[in-house]
C-alpha atoms as a PDB file:
ATOM      1  CA  MET A   1      36.259  11.523  27.806  1.00  0.00           C
ATOM      2  CA  SER A   2      32.720  12.688  27.417  1.00  0.00           C
ATOM      3  CA  GLU A   3      30.044  12.971  29.954  1.00  0.00           C
ATOM      4  CA  PRO A   4      27.597   9.879  29.895  1.00  0.00           C
ATOM      5  CA  GLU A   5      23.743  10.332  29.336  1.00  0.00           C
ATOM      6  CA  GLN A   6      21.685  11.316  31.443  1.00  0.00           C
ATOM      7  CA  PHE A   7      18.928   8.611  32.159  1.00  0.00           C
ATOM      8  CA  SER A   8      16.360   9.454  30.939  1.00  0.00           C
ATOM      9  CA  VAL A   9      12.362   8.641  30.325  1.00  0.00           C
ATOM     10  CA  ARG A  10       9.779  10.235  28.448  1.00  0.00           C
ATOM     11  CA  ILE A  11       6.588  10.486  28.924  1.00  0.00           C
ATOM     12  CA  LYS A  12       3.398  12.104  27.006  1.00  0.00           C
ATOM     13  CA  VAL A  13       0.658  13.511  29.479  1.00  0.00           C
ATOM     14  CA  ARG A  14      -2.576  12.298  28.963  1.00  0.00           C
ATOM     15  CA  HIS A  15      -6.432  13.698  28.939  1.00  0.00           C
ATOM     16  CA  TYR A  16      -7.146  11.574  32.225  1.00  0.00           C
ATOM     17  CA  GLU A  17      -4.420  12.427  34.113  1.00  0.00           C
ATOM     18  CA  LEU A  18      -5.469  16.034  34.319  1.00  0.00           C
ATOM     19  CA  ASP A  19      -7.832  17.196  37.240  1.00  0.00           C
ATOM     20  CA  THR A  20      -9.910  20.260  37.058  1.00  0.00           C
ATOM     21  CA  LEU A  21      -7.937  23.168  36.349  1.00  0.00           C
ATOM     22  CA  GLY A  22      -7.384  21.375  33.285  1.00  0.00           C
ATOM     23  CA  HIS A  23      -3.698  20.781  34.204  1.00  0.00           C
ATOM     24  CA  LEU A  24      -1.656  17.326  35.704  1.00  0.00           C
ATOM     25  CA  ASN A  25      -3.277  16.181  38.647  1.00  0.00           C
ATOM     26  CA  HIS A  26      -0.309  16.700  41.440  1.00  0.00           C
ATOM     27  CA  ALA A  27      -0.730  12.590  42.305  1.00  0.00           C
ATOM     28  CA  VAL A  28       0.383  11.914  38.596  1.00  0.00           C
ATOM     29  CA  TYR A  29       4.195  13.547  39.356  1.00  0.00           C
ATOM     30  CA  HIS A  30       4.822  11.078  41.485  1.00  0.00           C
ATOM     31  CA  GLN A  31       3.168   8.377  39.319  1.00  0.00           C
ATOM     32  CA  TYR A  32       6.222  10.008  36.313  1.00  0.00           C
ATOM     33  CA  GLY A  33       9.331   9.744  38.491  1.00  0.00           C
ATOM     34  CA  GLU A  34       8.247   6.368  39.620  1.00  0.00           C
ATOM     35  CA  VAL A  35       8.093   5.447  36.084  1.00  0.00           C
ATOM     36  CA  ALA A  36      12.013   6.756  35.312  1.00  0.00           C
ATOM     37  CA  ARG A  37      12.897   5.081  38.659  1.00  0.00           C
ATOM     38  CA  LEU A  38      10.720   1.652  37.493  1.00  0.00           C
ATOM     39  CA  GLU A  39      13.345   1.992  34.111  1.00  0.00           C
ATOM     40  CA  TRP A  40      16.348   2.978  35.685  1.00  0.00           C
ATOM     41  CA  PHE A  41      16.539  -0.392  38.198  1.00  0.00           C
ATOM     42  CA  HIS A  42      15.848  -2.442  35.048  1.00  0.00           C
ATOM     43  CA  ALA A  43      18.421  -0.720  32.551  1.00  0.00           C
ATOM     44  CA  ALA A  44      21.172  -0.756  35.627  1.00  0.00           C
ATOM     45  CA  LYS A  45      20.505  -4.588  35.922  1.00  0.00           C
ATOM     46  CA  GLY A  46      21.288  -4.797  32.664  1.00  0.00           C
ATOM     47  CA  GLU A  47      21.036  -8.512  31.416  1.00  0.00           C
ATOM     48  CA  GLY A  48      21.424 -10.019  35.220  1.00  0.00           C
ATOM     49  CA  ASN A  49      19.013 -10.313  37.594  1.00  0.00           C
ATOM     50  CA  GLY A  50      19.644  -8.016  39.862  1.00  0.00           C
ATOM     51  CA  PHE A  51      18.449  -8.648  42.832  1.00  0.00           C
ATOM     52  CA  ALA A  52      15.816 -10.969  41.970  1.00  0.00           C
ATOM     53  CA  ASP A  53      18.281 -13.729  43.562  1.00  0.00           C
ATOM     54  CA  ARG A  54      19.204 -12.414  46.828  1.00  0.00           C
ATOM     55  CA  ASP A  55      15.972 -12.135  48.576  1.00  0.00           C
ATOM     56  CA  ILE A  56      16.150  -7.825  48.651  1.00  0.00           C
ATOM     57  CA  ALA A  57      14.574  -5.439  46.595  1.00  0.00           C
ATOM     58  CA  PRO A  58      14.044  -1.489  46.860  1.00  0.00           C
ATOM     59  CA  VAL A  59      11.738   0.992  48.786  1.00  0.00           C
ATOM     60  CA  LEU A  60      10.495   4.038  48.939  1.00  0.00           C
ATOM     61  CA  LEU A  61      10.809   5.716  51.863  1.00  0.00           C
ATOM     62  CA  GLU A  62      10.750   9.009  51.717  1.00  0.00           C
ATOM     63  CA  THR A  63       9.510  11.430  47.999  1.00  0.00           C
ATOM     64  CA  ARG A  64       8.536  14.669  47.334  1.00  0.00           C
ATOM     65  CA  VAL A  65       8.211  17.176  44.410  1.00  0.00           C
ATOM     66  CA  ARG A  66       8.146  20.482  44.108  1.00  0.00           C
ATOM     67  CA  PHE A  67       6.403  21.883  40.974  1.00  0.00           C
ATOM     68  CA  ARG A  68       7.467  24.778  39.258  1.00  0.00           C
ATOM     69  CA  ARG A  69       5.186  24.725  35.220  1.00  0.00           C
ATOM     70  CA  GLU A  70       1.952  23.144  35.334  1.00  0.00           C
ATOM     71  CA  LEU A  71       1.979  20.486  33.023  1.00  0.00           C
ATOM     72  CA  ARG A  72      -1.514  20.556  30.309  1.00  0.00           C
ATOM     73  CA  GLU A  73      -2.937  17.332  27.902  1.00  0.00           C
ATOM     74  CA  GLY A  74      -0.521  16.683  24.886  1.00  0.00           C
ATOM     75  CA  ASP A  75       2.974  18.159  27.044  1.00  0.00           C
ATOM     76  CA  THR A  76       5.367  15.878  26.274  1.00  0.00           C
ATOM     77  CA  VAL A  77       8.232  15.407  29.485  1.00  0.00           C
ATOM     78  CA  ASP A  78      11.067  13.990  29.717  1.00  0.00           C
ATOM     79  CA  VAL A  79      11.940  12.744  33.480  1.00  0.00           C
ATOM     80  CA  THR A  80      16.090  12.478  34.654  1.00  0.00           C
ATOM     81  CA  CYS A  81      16.549   9.672  37.375  1.00  0.00           C
ATOM     82  CA  ASP A  82      20.143  10.067  38.581  1.00  0.00           C
ATOM     83  CA  VAL A  83      21.035   8.102  42.232  1.00  0.00           C
ATOM     84  CA  ARG A  84      22.850   9.337  45.098  1.00  0.00           C
ATOM     85  CA  PHE A  85      24.174   7.321  47.480  1.00  0.00           C
ATOM     86  CA  GLY A  86      25.654   8.291  51.120  1.00  0.00           C
ATOM     87  CA  GLU A  87      26.609   6.177  53.888  1.00  0.00           C
ATOM     88  CA  GLY A  88      23.805   4.449  56.172  1.00  0.00           C
ATOM     89  CA  LYS A  89      21.183   2.058  54.954  1.00  0.00           C
ATOM     90  CA  THR A  90      19.328   4.142  52.256  1.00  0.00           C
ATOM     91  CA  PHE A  91      20.043   6.342  48.995  1.00  0.00           C
ATOM     92  CA  GLU A  92      19.035   8.856  47.091  1.00  0.00           C
ATOM     93  CA  MET A  93      17.148   8.936  43.614  1.00  0.00           C
ATOM     94  CA  TYR A  94      17.039  13.173  42.086  1.00  0.00           C
ATOM     95  CA  SER A  95      14.158  13.721  38.776  1.00  0.00           C
ATOM     96  CA  GLU A  96      13.182  16.163  37.002  1.00  0.00           C
ATOM     97  CA  ILE A  97      10.083  16.453  34.782  1.00  0.00           C
ATOM     98  CA  ARG A  98      11.443  18.486  31.126  1.00  0.00           C
ATOM     99  CA  LYS A  99       9.659  20.102  29.153  1.00  0.00           C
ATOM    100  CA  LEU A 100      10.681  19.357  25.661  1.00  0.00           C
ATOM    101  CA  ASP A 101      12.277  22.846  25.589  1.00  0.00           C
ATOM    102  CA  GLY A 102      13.765  22.159  28.938  1.00  0.00           C
ATOM    103  CA  THR A 103      11.584  23.932  31.248  1.00  0.00           C
ATOM    104  CA  VAL A 104      11.925  22.212  34.751  1.00  0.00           C
ATOM    105  CA  ALA A 105       8.092  21.529  35.393  1.00  0.00           C
ATOM    106  CA  ALA A 106       8.826  19.420  38.396  1.00  0.00           C
ATOM    107  CA  GLU A 107      11.550  17.824  41.103  1.00  0.00           C
ATOM    108  CA  ILE A 108      11.480  14.642  43.012  1.00  0.00           C
ATOM    109  CA  GLU A 109      13.381  13.714  46.109  1.00  0.00           C
ATOM    110  CA  CYS A 110      13.252   9.792  47.292  1.00  0.00           C
ATOM    111  CA  VAL A 111      14.653   8.211  49.706  1.00  0.00           C
ATOM    112  CA  LEU A 112      14.594   4.871  49.538  1.00  0.00           C
ATOM    113  CA  GLY A 113      16.518   1.647  51.242  1.00  0.00           C
ATOM    114  CA  LEU A 114      17.273  -2.004  50.046  1.00  0.00           C
ATOM    115  CA  MET A 115      14.538  -4.603  52.237  1.00  0.00           C
ATOM    116  CA  ASP A 116      15.446  -7.823  53.373  1.00  0.00           C
ATOM    117  CA  LEU A 117      12.378  -9.601  51.950  1.00  0.00           C
ATOM    118  CA  GLU A 118      12.386 -12.000  54.747  1.00  0.00           C
ATOM    119  CA  LEU A 119      13.998 -10.381  57.719  1.00  0.00           C
ATOM    120  CA  ARG A 120      11.224  -7.573  56.704  1.00  0.00           C
ATOM    121  CA  LYS A 121      14.528  -4.606  57.711  1.00  0.00           C
ATOM    122  CA  LEU A 122      16.933  -2.207  55.613  1.00  0.00           C
ATOM    123  CA  VAL A 123      19.705  -3.712  54.872  1.00  0.00           C
ATOM    124  CA  GLY A 124      23.554  -2.153  54.620  1.00  0.00           C
ATOM    125  CA  GLU A 125      25.644  -0.472  52.663  1.00  0.00           C
ATOM    126  CA  PRO A 126      23.328  -0.468  49.172  1.00  0.00           C
ATOM    127  CA  LYS A 127      25.992   0.427  47.005  1.00  0.00           C
ATOM    128  CA  GLU A 128      27.562  -2.560  46.973  1.00  0.00           C
ATOM    129  CA  GLN A 129      24.764  -4.424  47.145  1.00  0.00           C
ATOM    130  CA  PHE A 130      23.734  -2.913  43.956  1.00  0.00           C
ATOM    131  CA  VAL A 131      27.236  -3.556  42.486  1.00  0.00           C
ATOM    132  CA  SER A 132      27.425  -7.074  43.561  1.00  0.00           C
ATOM    133  CA  ALA A 133      24.241  -7.387  42.093  1.00  0.00           C
ATOM    134  CA  GLY A 134      25.643  -6.942  38.729  1.00  0.00           C
ATOM    135  CA  PHE A 135      24.133  -3.226  38.237  1.00  0.00           C
ATOM    136  CA  ALA A 136      26.107  -0.790  36.461  1.00  0.00           C
ATOM    137  CA  ILE A 137      25.805   2.084  38.651  1.00  0.00           C
END
């Protein structure tokens, strides 16, 4: 049996995302990671409504970017997204921003939780919440 293909989205660096040095602005790396996370959530919920009926939603608690190589206007990158569950109320998502030649331009680590939108508190067992909401994880 073969390994499932890693989730990724393709993004082209646009001129208005550059800083005064002519390379991708540091904040845009975070935006690219957010695009990949949101696309992962959309793809993982499949045809279901995910958390829409549960009054819970994912919330970003922490994010860190490691810059490895510069990106310039016209570069095209693949942004991966890999979710990892552990113990407690949080889970982690890891992304790499890779040039098409495979060069890693950045690594992004995030800690997330699932928030009860009425109580405004994190709910427990996020993996079980995903599974019961119909996500394919």
